[in-house]
Amino acid sequence: MVIFTKPGAIIKIQLLQGSQARNYFESKERLFLQTVLSKMQNDSSIDLNITNEEKNMLDIIFKKYDKYL
């Protein structure tokens, strides 16, 4: 599992959503990314406050669509 920082994760999600990868997302991936992004942006702390399951899912999605970044 990769260690994520909050700003790094937000930027990477936004880059993925703006890239050609958005044409290939599965519905659950698209919903997950939007939900986690909103959760991180609405949290005022600088810490990454997401569960281990969410971190694992982000890691899987980032690896799957890495070629679009």
Protein backbone atom coordinates (compact mmCIF):
# COMPACT_ATOMS: atom_id res chain seq x y z
CA MET A 1 0.00 0.00 0.00
CA VAL A 2 1.21 3.47 -0.90
CA ILE A 3 1.39 6.22 1.72
CA PHE A 4 -0.93 9.04 0.67
CA THR A 5 -0.97 12.67 1.68
CA LYS A 6 -4.22 14.58 1.58
CA PRO A 7 -3.09 17.19 -1.00
CA GLY A 8 -1.42 14.49 -3.11
CA ALA A 9 -4.51 12.30 -3.14
CA ILE A 10 -6.79 15.23 -4.01
CA ILE A 11 -4.56 16.33 -6.89
CA LYS A 12 -4.22 12.80 -8.24
CA ILE A 13 -8.00 12.21 -8.13
CA GLN A 14 -8.62 15.52 -9.90
CA LEU A 15 -6.03 14.68 -12.55
CA LEU A 16 -7.61 11.28 -13.14
CA GLN A 17 -11.09 12.78 -13.38
CA GLY A 18 -9.83 15.30 -15.93
CA SER A 19 -7.91 12.78 -18.03
CA GLN A 20 -9.04 10.28 -20.64
CA ALA A 21 -9.32 7.72 -17.82
CA ARG A 22 -12.78 9.11 -17.03
CA ASN A 23 -14.02 7.41 -20.21
CA TYR A 24 -12.97 4.03 -18.80
CA PHE A 25 -14.03 4.25 -15.15
CA GLU A 26 -16.47 1.66 -13.91
CA SER A 27 -19.56 3.16 -12.26
CA LYS A 28 -18.41 2.18 -8.79
CA GLU A 29 -14.97 3.74 -9.41
CA ARG A 30 -16.47 7.00 -10.62
CA LEU A 31 -18.80 7.20 -7.61
CA PHE A 32 -16.04 6.21 -5.18
CA LEU A 33 -13.62 8.86 -6.49
CA GLN A 34 -16.25 11.59 -6.32
CA THR A 35 -17.31 10.57 -2.81
CA VAL A 36 -13.77 10.36 -1.43
CA LEU A 37 -12.79 13.65 -3.10
CA SER A 38 -15.79 15.42 -1.54
CA LYS A 39 -15.03 13.85 1.84
CA MET A 40 -11.40 15.06 1.71
CA GLN A 41 -12.27 18.55 0.48
CA ASN A 42 -14.93 19.05 3.18
CA ASP A 43 -12.58 17.95 5.96
CA SER A 44 -10.78 21.02 7.31
CA SER A 45 -7.83 19.13 8.83
CA ILE A 46 -4.59 18.64 6.90
CA ASP A 47 -4.55 14.94 7.78
CA LEU A 48 -5.85 12.30 5.42
CA ASN A 49 -8.87 10.97 7.30
CA ILE A 50 -10.02 8.03 5.22
CA THR A 51 -10.37 4.37 6.12
CA ASN A 52 -7.89 1.66 5.18
CA GLU A 53 -10.45 0.24 2.73
CA GLU A 54 -10.68 3.62 1.02
CA LYS A 55 -6.88 3.86 0.88
CA ASN A 56 -6.67 0.38 -0.65
CA MET A 57 -9.33 1.23 -3.24
CA LEU A 58 -7.52 4.46 -4.14
CA ASP A 59 -4.29 2.52 -4.53
CA ILE A 60 -5.99 0.01 -6.86
CA ILE A 61 -7.59 2.76 -8.97
CA PHE A 62 -4.37 4.79 -9.17
CA LYS A 63 -2.42 1.73 -10.33
CA LYS A 64 -5.12 0.73 -12.83
CA TYR A 65 -5.29 4.16 -14.48
CA ASP A 66 -1.67 5.27 -13.96
CA LYS A 67 -1.01 5.35 -17.72
CA TYR A 68 -3.48 8.27 -18.06
CA LEU A 69 -1.59 10.55 -15.70
